[in-house]
N, C-alpha and C. Protein backbone atom coordinates (compact mmCIF):
# COMPACT_ATOMS: atom_id res chain seq x y z
N UNK A 1 5.67 -22.72 -16.01
CA UNK A 1 4.76 -21.88 -16.78
C UNK A 1 5.49 -21.31 -17.98
N UNK A 2 4.71 -21.06 -19.03
CA UNK A 2 5.28 -20.46 -20.24
C UNK A 2 4.52 -19.17 -20.52
N UNK A 3 5.26 -18.07 -20.64
CA UNK A 3 4.65 -16.75 -20.88
C UNK A 3 4.97 -16.30 -22.31
N UNK A 4 3.93 -15.94 -23.05
CA UNK A 4 4.07 -15.48 -24.43
C UNK A 4 3.45 -14.10 -24.54
N UNK A 5 4.05 -13.24 -25.38
CA UNK A 5 3.61 -11.84 -25.51
C UNK A 5 3.23 -11.54 -26.96
N UNK A 6 2.07 -10.93 -27.15
CA UNK A 6 1.60 -10.63 -28.50
C UNK A 6 1.64 -9.14 -28.85
N UNK A 7 1.92 -8.29 -27.86
CA UNK A 7 1.90 -6.84 -28.09
C UNK A 7 0.89 -6.17 -27.18
N UNK A 8 0.97 -4.82 -27.08
CA UNK A 8 0.18 -4.05 -26.11
C UNK A 8 0.35 -4.69 -24.72
N UNK A 9 -0.77 -5.19 -24.13
CA UNK A 9 -0.65 -5.89 -22.84
C UNK A 9 -1.21 -7.31 -22.94
N UNK A 10 -1.17 -7.85 -24.15
CA UNK A 10 -1.78 -9.15 -24.42
C UNK A 10 -0.76 -10.27 -24.17
N UNK A 11 -0.99 -10.99 -23.06
CA UNK A 11 -0.10 -12.10 -22.69
C UNK A 11 -0.88 -13.39 -22.57
N UNK A 12 -0.18 -14.47 -22.84
CA UNK A 12 -0.73 -15.82 -22.62
C UNK A 12 0.20 -16.51 -21.63
N UNK A 13 -0.39 -17.08 -20.58
CA UNK A 13 0.39 -17.88 -19.63
C UNK A 13 -0.16 -19.30 -19.65
N UNK A 14 0.69 -20.23 -19.99
CA UNK A 14 0.29 -21.63 -20.01
C UNK A 14 0.92 -22.37 -18.84
N UNK A 15 0.11 -23.15 -18.14
CA UNK A 15 0.61 -23.97 -17.03
C UNK A 15 -0.06 -25.34 -17.15
N UNK A 16 0.69 -26.33 -17.65
CA UNK A 16 0.07 -27.62 -17.92
C UNK A 16 -1.02 -27.44 -18.97
N UNK A 17 -2.22 -27.93 -18.65
CA UNK A 17 -3.36 -27.81 -19.58
C UNK A 17 -4.05 -26.45 -19.48
N UNK A 18 -3.71 -25.70 -18.44
CA UNK A 18 -4.40 -24.43 -18.17
C UNK A 18 -3.82 -23.28 -19.00
N UNK A 19 -4.72 -22.47 -19.55
CA UNK A 19 -4.28 -21.28 -20.29
C UNK A 19 -4.97 -20.04 -19.71
N UNK A 20 -4.14 -19.07 -19.30
CA UNK A 20 -4.66 -17.78 -18.85
C UNK A 20 -4.28 -16.73 -19.89
N UNK A 21 -5.16 -15.76 -20.09
CA UNK A 21 -4.85 -14.65 -20.99
C UNK A 21 -5.09 -13.33 -20.28
N UNK A 22 -4.19 -12.37 -20.52
CA UNK A 22 -4.31 -11.03 -19.93
C UNK A 22 -4.51 -10.01 -21.03
N UNK A 23 -5.48 -9.14 -20.84
CA UNK A 23 -5.74 -7.99 -21.72
C UNK A 23 -5.66 -8.31 -23.21
N UNK A 24 -6.52 -9.23 -23.68
CA UNK A 24 -6.52 -9.55 -25.11
C UNK A 24 -6.92 -8.34 -25.94
N UNK A 25 -6.26 -8.16 -27.08
CA UNK A 25 -6.54 -7.02 -27.94
C UNK A 25 -7.77 -7.35 -28.80
N UNK A 26 -8.73 -6.43 -28.80
CA UNK A 26 -9.98 -6.63 -29.54
C UNK A 26 -9.76 -6.43 -31.05
N UNK A 27 -10.66 -7.02 -31.83
CA UNK A 27 -10.60 -6.83 -33.29
C UNK A 27 -10.80 -5.36 -33.66
N UNK A 28 -11.51 -4.61 -32.81
CA UNK A 28 -11.76 -3.20 -33.12
C UNK A 28 -10.64 -2.27 -32.68
N UNK A 29 -9.57 -2.84 -32.10
CA UNK A 29 -8.41 -2.02 -31.70
C UNK A 29 -7.66 -1.56 -32.95
N UNK A 30 -7.09 -0.36 -32.85
CA UNK A 30 -6.29 0.17 -33.97
C UNK A 30 -4.80 -0.16 -33.80
N UNK A 31 -4.49 -1.04 -32.85
CA UNK A 31 -3.08 -1.30 -32.53
C UNK A 31 -2.38 -2.21 -33.53
N UNK A 32 -3.18 -2.96 -34.32
CA UNK A 32 -2.57 -3.90 -35.26
C UNK A 32 -2.14 -5.22 -34.62
N UNK A 33 -2.39 -5.36 -33.31
CA UNK A 33 -2.04 -6.60 -32.61
C UNK A 33 -3.17 -7.61 -32.79
N UNK A 34 -2.81 -8.84 -33.14
CA UNK A 34 -3.84 -9.86 -33.34
C UNK A 34 -3.34 -11.23 -32.92
N UNK A 35 -4.14 -11.94 -32.14
CA UNK A 35 -3.86 -13.33 -31.79
C UNK A 35 -5.17 -13.96 -31.37
N UNK A 36 -5.32 -15.25 -31.67
CA UNK A 36 -6.59 -15.93 -31.37
C UNK A 36 -6.26 -17.33 -30.88
N UNK A 37 -6.71 -17.66 -29.68
CA UNK A 37 -6.49 -19.00 -29.12
C UNK A 37 -7.53 -19.26 -28.04
N UNK A 38 -7.66 -20.50 -27.62
CA UNK A 38 -8.58 -20.84 -26.55
C UNK A 38 -7.95 -20.64 -25.19
N UNK A 39 -8.68 -19.99 -24.28
CA UNK A 39 -8.16 -19.75 -22.93
C UNK A 39 -9.18 -20.24 -21.90
N UNK A 40 -8.68 -20.62 -20.71
CA UNK A 40 -9.57 -21.04 -19.61
C UNK A 40 -9.99 -19.85 -18.76
N UNK A 41 -9.06 -18.91 -18.58
CA UNK A 41 -9.32 -17.73 -17.75
C UNK A 41 -8.84 -16.50 -18.52
N UNK A 42 -9.69 -15.48 -18.59
CA UNK A 42 -9.32 -14.21 -19.21
C UNK A 42 -9.40 -13.10 -18.17
N UNK A 43 -8.34 -12.32 -18.06
CA UNK A 43 -8.33 -11.17 -17.15
C UNK A 43 -8.25 -9.89 -17.96
N UNK A 44 -9.23 -9.02 -17.77
CA UNK A 44 -9.29 -7.74 -18.48
C UNK A 44 -9.19 -6.64 -17.44
N UNK A 45 -8.20 -5.76 -17.58
CA UNK A 45 -8.01 -4.70 -16.58
C UNK A 45 -8.84 -3.46 -16.91
N UNK A 46 -9.09 -3.24 -18.21
CA UNK A 46 -9.62 -1.95 -18.65
C UNK A 46 -10.58 -2.15 -19.81
N UNK A 47 -11.76 -1.54 -19.74
CA UNK A 47 -12.75 -1.72 -20.80
C UNK A 47 -12.47 -0.79 -21.98
N UNK A 48 -11.45 -1.19 -22.76
CA UNK A 48 -11.00 -0.42 -23.92
C UNK A 48 -10.58 -1.44 -24.98
N UNK A 49 -10.81 -1.15 -26.29
CA UNK A 49 -10.53 -2.14 -27.33
C UNK A 49 -9.09 -2.69 -27.33
N UNK A 50 -8.14 -1.92 -26.82
CA UNK A 50 -6.76 -2.42 -26.77
C UNK A 50 -6.58 -3.52 -25.73
N UNK A 51 -7.58 -3.68 -24.83
CA UNK A 51 -7.39 -4.58 -23.69
C UNK A 51 -8.58 -5.51 -23.40
N UNK A 52 -9.68 -5.39 -24.15
CA UNK A 52 -10.89 -6.12 -23.75
C UNK A 52 -11.40 -7.13 -24.78
N UNK A 53 -10.51 -7.62 -25.65
CA UNK A 53 -10.94 -8.48 -26.75
C UNK A 53 -11.15 -9.94 -26.37
N UNK A 54 -12.06 -10.17 -25.45
CA UNK A 54 -12.29 -11.54 -24.95
C UNK A 54 -12.79 -12.46 -26.07
N UNK A 55 -13.39 -11.86 -27.12
CA UNK A 55 -13.87 -12.68 -28.25
C UNK A 55 -12.73 -13.43 -28.94
N UNK A 56 -11.49 -13.01 -28.71
CA UNK A 56 -10.33 -13.66 -29.33
C UNK A 56 -9.89 -14.91 -28.58
N UNK A 57 -10.56 -15.23 -27.48
CA UNK A 57 -10.06 -16.29 -26.59
C UNK A 57 -10.94 -17.53 -26.54
N UNK A 58 -11.85 -17.66 -27.50
CA UNK A 58 -12.68 -18.87 -27.57
C UNK A 58 -12.25 -19.69 -28.77
N UNK A 59 -12.10 -20.97 -28.53
CA UNK A 59 -11.77 -21.88 -29.64
C UNK A 59 -12.33 -23.25 -29.33
N UNK A 60 -13.11 -23.81 -30.25
CA UNK A 60 -13.72 -25.11 -30.01
C UNK A 60 -14.59 -25.08 -28.76
N UNK A 61 -14.34 -26.02 -27.87
CA UNK A 61 -15.10 -26.13 -26.62
C UNK A 61 -14.63 -25.13 -25.57
N UNK A 62 -13.50 -24.50 -25.83
CA UNK A 62 -12.86 -23.69 -24.79
C UNK A 62 -13.34 -22.24 -24.84
N UNK A 63 -14.06 -21.84 -23.80
CA UNK A 63 -14.50 -20.46 -23.65
C UNK A 63 -14.04 -20.00 -22.27
N UNK A 64 -13.41 -18.84 -22.18
CA UNK A 64 -12.79 -18.48 -20.90
C UNK A 64 -13.78 -17.99 -19.83
N UNK A 65 -13.44 -18.26 -18.59
CA UNK A 65 -14.08 -17.56 -17.47
C UNK A 65 -13.45 -16.18 -17.46
N UNK A 66 -14.27 -15.15 -17.57
CA UNK A 66 -13.73 -13.80 -17.76
C UNK A 66 -13.89 -12.94 -16.51
N UNK A 67 -12.80 -12.29 -16.14
CA UNK A 67 -12.78 -11.38 -14.99
C UNK A 67 -12.49 -9.98 -15.52
N UNK A 68 -13.37 -9.04 -15.19
CA UNK A 68 -13.23 -7.70 -15.79
C UNK A 68 -13.19 -6.57 -14.76
N UNK A 69 -12.97 -6.91 -13.49
CA UNK A 69 -12.96 -5.82 -12.51
C UNK A 69 -12.55 -6.28 -11.13
N UNK A 70 -12.56 -5.35 -10.18
CA UNK A 70 -12.11 -5.65 -8.82
C UNK A 70 -12.93 -6.74 -8.15
N UNK A 71 -12.32 -7.44 -7.20
CA UNK A 71 -13.02 -8.48 -6.45
C UNK A 71 -12.11 -9.66 -6.16
N UNK A 72 -12.67 -10.68 -5.51
CA UNK A 72 -11.94 -11.90 -5.20
C UNK A 72 -12.55 -13.04 -6.00
N UNK A 73 -11.69 -13.81 -6.65
CA UNK A 73 -12.16 -14.89 -7.52
C UNK A 73 -11.36 -16.16 -7.26
N UNK A 74 -12.02 -17.30 -7.47
CA UNK A 74 -11.30 -18.57 -7.45
C UNK A 74 -11.80 -19.40 -8.63
N UNK A 75 -10.88 -19.70 -9.54
CA UNK A 75 -11.22 -20.51 -10.71
C UNK A 75 -10.15 -21.58 -10.86
N UNK A 76 -10.58 -22.83 -10.94
CA UNK A 76 -9.65 -23.94 -11.14
C UNK A 76 -8.48 -23.89 -10.16
N UNK A 77 -8.82 -23.63 -8.90
CA UNK A 77 -7.85 -23.58 -7.79
C UNK A 77 -6.83 -22.44 -7.92
N UNK A 78 -7.14 -21.45 -8.74
CA UNK A 78 -6.31 -20.25 -8.80
C UNK A 78 -7.08 -19.12 -8.12
N UNK A 79 -6.45 -18.50 -7.13
CA UNK A 79 -7.07 -17.37 -6.43
C UNK A 79 -6.61 -16.08 -7.09
N UNK A 80 -7.55 -15.23 -7.42
CA UNK A 80 -7.24 -13.98 -8.10
C UNK A 80 -7.88 -12.83 -7.33
N UNK A 81 -7.09 -11.80 -7.11
CA UNK A 81 -7.58 -10.60 -6.42
C UNK A 81 -7.44 -9.42 -7.37
N UNK A 82 -8.54 -8.68 -7.54
CA UNK A 82 -8.50 -7.48 -8.36
C UNK A 82 -8.73 -6.25 -7.51
N UNK A 83 -7.85 -5.25 -7.66
CA UNK A 83 -7.95 -4.01 -6.87
C UNK A 83 -8.08 -2.83 -7.83
N UNK A 84 -8.97 -1.92 -7.50
CA UNK A 84 -9.27 -0.80 -8.41
C UNK A 84 -8.13 0.21 -8.46
N UNK A 85 -7.91 0.75 -9.67
CA UNK A 85 -6.97 1.87 -9.86
C UNK A 85 -7.51 2.67 -11.05
N UNK A 86 -6.65 3.47 -11.67
CA UNK A 86 -7.14 4.38 -12.71
C UNK A 86 -6.30 4.29 -13.97
N UNK A 87 -7.00 4.34 -15.11
CA UNK A 87 -6.33 4.41 -16.41
C UNK A 87 -6.77 5.70 -17.11
N UNK A 88 -5.85 6.24 -17.91
CA UNK A 88 -6.20 7.41 -18.72
C UNK A 88 -5.69 7.15 -20.13
N UNK A 89 -6.63 7.00 -21.06
CA UNK A 89 -6.26 6.67 -22.43
C UNK A 89 -6.88 7.73 -23.34
N UNK A 90 -6.02 8.38 -24.13
CA UNK A 90 -6.48 9.47 -25.02
C UNK A 90 -7.33 10.48 -24.24
N UNK A 91 -6.80 10.88 -23.09
CA UNK A 91 -7.44 11.90 -22.24
C UNK A 91 -8.78 11.49 -21.65
N UNK A 92 -9.14 10.22 -21.76
CA UNK A 92 -10.39 9.75 -21.18
C UNK A 92 -10.06 8.83 -20.01
N UNK A 93 -10.79 9.00 -18.90
CA UNK A 93 -10.53 8.18 -17.71
C UNK A 93 -11.28 6.85 -17.79
N UNK A 94 -10.61 5.82 -17.36
CA UNK A 94 -11.20 4.48 -17.28
C UNK A 94 -10.89 3.88 -15.92
N UNK A 95 -11.70 2.92 -15.51
CA UNK A 95 -11.34 2.12 -14.34
C UNK A 95 -10.31 1.09 -14.79
N UNK A 96 -9.24 0.94 -14.03
CA UNK A 96 -8.24 -0.08 -14.29
C UNK A 96 -8.18 -1.01 -13.07
N UNK A 97 -8.03 -2.29 -13.31
CA UNK A 97 -7.94 -3.26 -12.22
C UNK A 97 -6.53 -3.84 -12.18
N UNK A 98 -5.90 -3.75 -11.02
CA UNK A 98 -4.60 -4.40 -10.80
C UNK A 98 -4.91 -5.81 -10.29
N UNK A 99 -4.35 -6.81 -10.95
CA UNK A 99 -4.61 -8.20 -10.53
C UNK A 99 -3.39 -8.82 -9.86
N UNK A 100 -3.65 -9.56 -8.79
CA UNK A 100 -2.58 -10.39 -8.22
C UNK A 100 -3.12 -11.82 -8.14
N UNK A 101 -2.26 -12.78 -8.45
CA UNK A 101 -2.65 -14.19 -8.46
C UNK A 101 -1.41 -15.05 -8.34
N UNK A 102 -1.65 -16.31 -8.08
CA UNK A 102 -0.54 -17.25 -7.96
C UNK A 102 -0.78 -18.42 -8.90
N UNK A 103 0.19 -18.72 -9.75
CA UNK A 103 0.12 -19.84 -10.68
C UNK A 103 1.35 -20.71 -10.46
N UNK A 104 1.14 -21.96 -10.13
CA UNK A 104 2.24 -22.90 -9.89
C UNK A 104 3.21 -22.34 -8.82
N UNK A 105 2.63 -21.78 -7.75
CA UNK A 105 3.42 -21.21 -6.64
C UNK A 105 4.28 -20.02 -7.06
N UNK A 106 3.95 -19.39 -8.17
CA UNK A 106 4.64 -18.18 -8.60
C UNK A 106 3.64 -17.03 -8.50
N UNK A 107 3.98 -16.01 -7.72
CA UNK A 107 3.07 -14.88 -7.49
C UNK A 107 3.22 -13.84 -8.59
N UNK A 108 2.10 -13.49 -9.19
CA UNK A 108 2.09 -12.58 -10.33
C UNK A 108 1.31 -11.32 -9.97
N UNK A 109 1.87 -10.16 -10.33
CA UNK A 109 1.13 -8.89 -10.22
C UNK A 109 1.07 -8.28 -11.62
N UNK A 110 -0.14 -7.96 -12.06
CA UNK A 110 -0.35 -7.42 -13.40
C UNK A 110 -1.00 -6.04 -13.25
N UNK A 111 -0.23 -4.99 -13.59
CA UNK A 111 -0.69 -3.63 -13.31
C UNK A 111 -1.69 -3.09 -14.33
N UNK A 112 -1.74 -3.71 -15.53
CA UNK A 112 -2.71 -3.27 -16.53
C UNK A 112 -2.41 -1.88 -17.06
N UNK A 113 -3.46 -1.15 -17.45
CA UNK A 113 -3.31 0.16 -18.08
C UNK A 113 -3.23 1.26 -17.01
N UNK A 114 -2.27 1.11 -16.14
CA UNK A 114 -2.16 2.00 -14.98
C UNK A 114 -1.61 3.37 -15.39
N UNK A 115 -2.25 4.44 -14.91
CA UNK A 115 -1.82 5.80 -15.23
C UNK A 115 -1.19 6.51 -14.04
N UNK A 116 -1.63 6.16 -12.84
CA UNK A 116 -1.18 6.87 -11.63
C UNK A 116 -0.22 5.98 -10.84
N UNK A 117 1.05 6.39 -10.72
CA UNK A 117 2.02 5.57 -9.99
C UNK A 117 1.75 5.51 -8.49
N UNK A 118 0.89 6.41 -7.99
CA UNK A 118 0.53 6.39 -6.58
C UNK A 118 -0.60 5.39 -6.37
N UNK A 119 -0.26 4.10 -6.32
CA UNK A 119 -1.32 3.09 -6.17
C UNK A 119 -1.79 3.04 -4.72
N UNK A 120 -2.97 2.52 -4.53
CA UNK A 120 -3.58 2.53 -3.19
C UNK A 120 -2.82 1.63 -2.22
N UNK A 121 -3.03 1.89 -0.95
CA UNK A 121 -2.41 1.05 0.09
C UNK A 121 -2.88 -0.39 -0.06
N UNK A 122 -4.16 -0.56 -0.40
CA UNK A 122 -4.70 -1.92 -0.57
C UNK A 122 -3.98 -2.65 -1.72
N UNK A 123 -3.77 -1.94 -2.83
CA UNK A 123 -3.09 -2.55 -3.98
C UNK A 123 -1.65 -2.91 -3.62
N UNK A 124 -1.00 -2.00 -2.92
CA UNK A 124 0.41 -2.24 -2.54
C UNK A 124 0.52 -3.44 -1.61
N UNK A 125 -0.40 -3.53 -0.67
CA UNK A 125 -0.37 -4.66 0.28
C UNK A 125 -0.67 -5.98 -0.44
N UNK A 126 -1.55 -5.91 -1.41
CA UNK A 126 -1.94 -7.11 -2.15
C UNK A 126 -0.80 -7.62 -3.03
N UNK A 127 -0.08 -6.69 -3.65
CA UNK A 127 1.02 -7.07 -4.55
C UNK A 127 2.22 -7.54 -3.73
N UNK A 128 2.75 -6.66 -2.89
CA UNK A 128 3.81 -6.93 -1.92
C UNK A 128 4.87 -7.95 -2.36
N UNK A 129 5.91 -7.47 -3.05
CA UNK A 129 7.04 -8.32 -3.41
C UNK A 129 6.69 -9.49 -4.30
N UNK A 130 6.09 -9.23 -5.48
CA UNK A 130 5.68 -10.34 -6.35
C UNK A 130 6.88 -11.04 -6.98
N UNK A 131 6.67 -12.26 -7.43
CA UNK A 131 7.72 -12.94 -8.18
C UNK A 131 7.85 -12.32 -9.57
N UNK A 132 6.70 -12.06 -10.21
CA UNK A 132 6.70 -11.45 -11.55
C UNK A 132 5.79 -10.23 -11.54
N UNK A 133 6.31 -9.11 -12.02
CA UNK A 133 5.53 -7.87 -12.14
C UNK A 133 5.44 -7.48 -13.61
N UNK A 134 4.20 -7.37 -14.11
CA UNK A 134 3.96 -6.86 -15.47
C UNK A 134 3.65 -5.37 -15.35
N UNK A 135 4.45 -4.54 -16.02
CA UNK A 135 4.30 -3.10 -15.83
C UNK A 135 4.28 -2.38 -17.19
N UNK A 136 3.31 -1.43 -17.38
CA UNK A 136 3.30 -0.65 -18.63
C UNK A 136 4.41 0.40 -18.60
N UNK A 137 5.05 0.64 -19.75
CA UNK A 137 6.17 1.59 -19.75
C UNK A 137 6.08 2.62 -20.88
N UNK A 138 4.97 2.57 -21.66
CA UNK A 138 4.94 3.35 -22.90
C UNK A 138 4.42 4.76 -22.80
N UNK A 139 3.96 5.20 -21.62
CA UNK A 139 3.42 6.56 -21.53
C UNK A 139 2.11 6.69 -22.29
N UNK A 140 1.92 7.82 -22.96
CA UNK A 140 0.67 8.12 -23.71
C UNK A 140 -0.55 7.99 -22.79
N UNK A 141 -0.43 8.53 -21.59
CA UNK A 141 -1.52 8.45 -20.60
C UNK A 141 -1.26 7.39 -19.56
N UNK A 142 -0.59 6.30 -19.96
CA UNK A 142 -0.22 5.26 -18.99
C UNK A 142 1.13 5.63 -18.39
N UNK A 143 1.60 4.82 -17.44
CA UNK A 143 2.89 5.09 -16.83
C UNK A 143 3.98 5.19 -17.90
N UNK A 144 4.82 6.21 -17.76
CA UNK A 144 5.95 6.29 -18.69
C UNK A 144 7.16 5.57 -18.08
N UNK A 145 8.26 5.57 -18.83
CA UNK A 145 9.43 4.78 -18.42
C UNK A 145 9.91 5.14 -17.02
N UNK A 146 9.96 6.43 -16.74
CA UNK A 146 10.50 6.87 -15.44
C UNK A 146 9.57 6.47 -14.29
N UNK A 147 8.27 6.75 -14.45
CA UNK A 147 7.29 6.43 -13.39
C UNK A 147 7.19 4.93 -13.16
N UNK A 148 7.20 4.16 -14.25
CA UNK A 148 7.06 2.70 -14.09
C UNK A 148 8.31 2.09 -13.47
N UNK A 149 9.49 2.63 -13.81
CA UNK A 149 10.73 2.11 -13.21
C UNK A 149 10.74 2.39 -11.71
N UNK A 150 10.29 3.59 -11.35
CA UNK A 150 10.26 3.96 -9.93
C UNK A 150 9.28 3.08 -9.15
N UNK A 151 8.07 2.90 -9.71
CA UNK A 151 7.06 2.08 -9.05
C UNK A 151 7.54 0.62 -8.95
N UNK A 152 8.09 0.11 -10.04
CA UNK A 152 8.57 -1.28 -10.05
C UNK A 152 9.61 -1.49 -8.96
N UNK A 153 10.50 -0.53 -8.81
CA UNK A 153 11.56 -0.66 -7.78
C UNK A 153 10.97 -0.74 -6.38
N UNK A 154 9.93 0.05 -6.12
CA UNK A 154 9.36 0.07 -4.76
C UNK A 154 8.56 -1.20 -4.46
N UNK A 155 8.11 -1.90 -5.50
CA UNK A 155 7.32 -3.12 -5.28
C UNK A 155 8.19 -4.36 -5.09
N UNK A 156 9.49 -4.20 -5.34
CA UNK A 156 10.49 -5.25 -5.09
C UNK A 156 10.14 -6.61 -5.70
N UNK A 157 9.85 -6.64 -7.00
CA UNK A 157 9.60 -7.92 -7.65
C UNK A 157 10.91 -8.65 -7.93
N UNK A 158 10.81 -9.95 -8.16
CA UNK A 158 12.00 -10.72 -8.54
C UNK A 158 12.26 -10.57 -10.04
N UNK A 159 11.17 -10.56 -10.82
CA UNK A 159 11.29 -10.40 -12.28
C UNK A 159 10.31 -9.32 -12.73
N UNK A 160 10.77 -8.43 -13.62
CA UNK A 160 9.93 -7.36 -14.16
C UNK A 160 9.76 -7.60 -15.66
N UNK A 161 8.51 -7.61 -16.12
CA UNK A 161 8.24 -7.76 -17.55
C UNK A 161 7.56 -6.47 -18.05
N UNK A 162 8.27 -5.68 -18.87
CA UNK A 162 7.66 -4.45 -19.41
C UNK A 162 6.65 -4.79 -20.51
N UNK A 163 5.63 -3.93 -20.63
CA UNK A 163 4.60 -4.15 -21.65
C UNK A 163 4.11 -2.80 -22.18
N UNK A 164 3.34 -2.87 -23.29
CA UNK A 164 2.80 -1.64 -23.89
C UNK A 164 3.92 -0.68 -24.24
N UNK A 165 4.99 -1.21 -24.84
CA UNK A 165 6.16 -0.37 -25.11
C UNK A 165 6.42 -0.18 -26.60
N UNK A 166 7.07 0.92 -26.92
CA UNK A 166 7.72 1.12 -28.22
C UNK A 166 9.22 1.01 -27.94
N UNK A 167 10.01 0.98 -29.00
CA UNK A 167 11.46 0.83 -28.80
C UNK A 167 12.05 1.91 -27.90
N UNK A 168 11.61 3.17 -28.12
CA UNK A 168 12.19 4.30 -27.36
C UNK A 168 11.83 4.21 -25.88
N UNK A 169 10.55 3.90 -25.58
CA UNK A 169 10.14 3.85 -24.17
C UNK A 169 10.77 2.65 -23.47
N UNK A 170 10.94 1.54 -24.20
CA UNK A 170 11.59 0.37 -23.60
C UNK A 170 13.04 0.69 -23.26
N UNK A 171 13.71 1.35 -24.18
CA UNK A 171 15.11 1.72 -23.97
C UNK A 171 15.25 2.64 -22.75
N UNK A 172 14.33 3.61 -22.64
CA UNK A 172 14.35 4.54 -21.51
C UNK A 172 14.08 3.81 -20.19
N UNK A 173 13.16 2.87 -20.21
CA UNK A 173 12.82 2.09 -19.02
C UNK A 173 14.03 1.26 -18.56
N UNK A 174 14.67 0.59 -19.49
CA UNK A 174 15.83 -0.24 -19.15
C UNK A 174 16.96 0.62 -18.59
N UNK A 175 17.11 1.80 -19.16
CA UNK A 175 18.16 2.72 -18.67
C UNK A 175 17.87 3.17 -17.24
N UNK A 176 16.60 3.49 -16.96
CA UNK A 176 16.21 3.93 -15.61
C UNK A 176 16.58 2.87 -14.57
N UNK A 177 16.43 1.60 -14.94
CA UNK A 177 16.69 0.52 -13.99
C UNK A 177 18.12 -0.02 -14.08
N UNK A 178 18.92 0.58 -14.99
CA UNK A 178 20.29 0.09 -15.17
C UNK A 178 20.33 -1.32 -15.73
N UNK A 179 19.35 -1.64 -16.57
CA UNK A 179 19.22 -3.00 -17.12
C UNK A 179 19.33 -3.00 -18.65
N UNK A 180 20.24 -2.16 -19.17
CA UNK A 180 20.36 -2.06 -20.63
C UNK A 180 20.65 -3.40 -21.30
N UNK A 181 21.28 -4.29 -20.54
CA UNK A 181 21.62 -5.60 -21.12
C UNK A 181 20.59 -6.67 -20.73
N UNK A 182 19.37 -6.26 -20.51
CA UNK A 182 18.31 -7.21 -20.09
C UNK A 182 18.15 -8.32 -21.12
N UNK A 183 17.79 -9.48 -20.60
CA UNK A 183 17.55 -10.65 -21.45
C UNK A 183 16.33 -10.39 -22.34
N UNK A 184 16.46 -10.74 -23.62
CA UNK A 184 15.33 -10.61 -24.55
C UNK A 184 14.96 -12.02 -25.03
N UNK A 185 13.69 -12.39 -24.89
CA UNK A 185 13.26 -13.75 -25.22
C UNK A 185 12.03 -13.74 -26.10
N UNK A 186 11.85 -14.81 -26.85
CA UNK A 186 10.61 -15.02 -27.61
C UNK A 186 9.49 -15.40 -26.65
N UNK A 187 9.83 -16.25 -25.67
CA UNK A 187 8.87 -16.61 -24.62
C UNK A 187 9.67 -16.93 -23.37
N UNK A 188 9.01 -16.89 -22.25
CA UNK A 188 9.68 -17.11 -20.96
C UNK A 188 9.13 -18.37 -20.33
N UNK A 189 10.01 -19.33 -20.06
CA UNK A 189 9.62 -20.56 -19.38
C UNK A 189 10.20 -20.54 -17.98
N UNK A 190 9.33 -20.67 -16.98
CA UNK A 190 9.76 -20.50 -15.59
C UNK A 190 9.23 -21.60 -14.69
N UNK A 191 10.07 -22.03 -13.77
CA UNK A 191 9.61 -22.84 -12.64
C UNK A 191 9.94 -22.06 -11.38
N UNK A 192 9.35 -22.48 -10.28
CA UNK A 192 9.58 -21.79 -9.00
C UNK A 192 11.07 -21.62 -8.70
N UNK A 193 11.83 -22.68 -8.91
CA UNK A 193 13.27 -22.64 -8.56
C UNK A 193 14.05 -21.64 -9.42
N UNK A 194 13.53 -21.31 -10.62
CA UNK A 194 14.23 -20.36 -11.50
C UNK A 194 14.19 -18.94 -10.95
N UNK A 195 13.25 -18.68 -10.04
CA UNK A 195 13.04 -17.32 -9.54
C UNK A 195 13.87 -17.04 -8.30
N UNK A 196 14.23 -18.10 -7.58
CA UNK A 196 14.97 -17.91 -6.33
C UNK A 196 16.24 -17.10 -6.57
N UNK A 197 16.46 -16.13 -5.69
CA UNK A 197 17.69 -15.35 -5.76
C UNK A 197 17.66 -14.17 -6.73
N UNK A 198 16.60 -14.04 -7.49
CA UNK A 198 16.52 -12.91 -8.42
C UNK A 198 15.96 -11.68 -7.69
N UNK A 199 16.45 -10.51 -8.10
CA UNK A 199 15.96 -9.26 -7.51
C UNK A 199 15.84 -8.21 -8.60
N UNK A 200 14.61 -7.91 -9.00
CA UNK A 200 14.39 -6.83 -9.98
C UNK A 200 14.99 -7.09 -11.34
N UNK A 201 15.11 -8.34 -11.74
CA UNK A 201 15.67 -8.65 -13.07
C UNK A 201 14.62 -8.40 -14.13
N UNK A 202 15.01 -7.67 -15.18
CA UNK A 202 14.07 -7.35 -16.26
C UNK A 202 14.19 -8.39 -17.37
N UNK A 203 13.05 -8.92 -17.80
CA UNK A 203 13.01 -9.82 -18.96
C UNK A 203 12.12 -9.16 -20.01
N UNK A 204 12.68 -8.91 -21.19
CA UNK A 204 11.93 -8.31 -22.28
C UNK A 204 11.43 -9.42 -23.20
N UNK A 205 10.12 -9.47 -23.40
CA UNK A 205 9.55 -10.46 -24.30
C UNK A 205 9.26 -9.81 -25.66
N UNK A 206 9.78 -10.42 -26.71
CA UNK A 206 9.48 -9.94 -28.05
C UNK A 206 8.02 -10.18 -28.38
N UNK A 207 7.44 -9.25 -29.14
CA UNK A 207 6.05 -9.42 -29.56
C UNK A 207 6.00 -10.45 -30.68
N UNK A 208 5.11 -11.41 -30.56
CA UNK A 208 4.98 -12.44 -31.60
C UNK A 208 4.21 -11.89 -32.79
């Protein structure tokens, strides 16, 4: 699989011909993040312009199957579970969905715009030691560096990918985990065997 990061929580995961997108940034977002490509599956955790820009994911014949909330889904032999949690953006509460799924035998947990580090027992059981954990670290209502580092440690992922960060919050997050020398990549290419033996390794993806 190949993971690409565009900013905020907008990620593209490619596996063979399949393209998944997480939290695409809408045209009406004030974040300045922009990317447009065709996706097969779109996962939206939070109904907010920074995370719900599904209109950016259609190209030619390709229009994504869109998942926008809790539940069990199966698309193109990928099983996806969404569990409810809470987001707080600019002092306004939103429903946030934590997603867990498996792509090419690699288990992924995507926390989305999570504000409360005390996630539910159901969410914790569903995630349970993921291969890759996507975690927000920027604060401003979402988890800050300290809370996200603490939560990430308890979930025991093999690889941690921080998102929704500025330079200062990223630096603080890496310091909390003792990963100041974390690998920084333009994109991350992974196979199952690349993950074996890793424990809590942080990979920072540059925004394209």
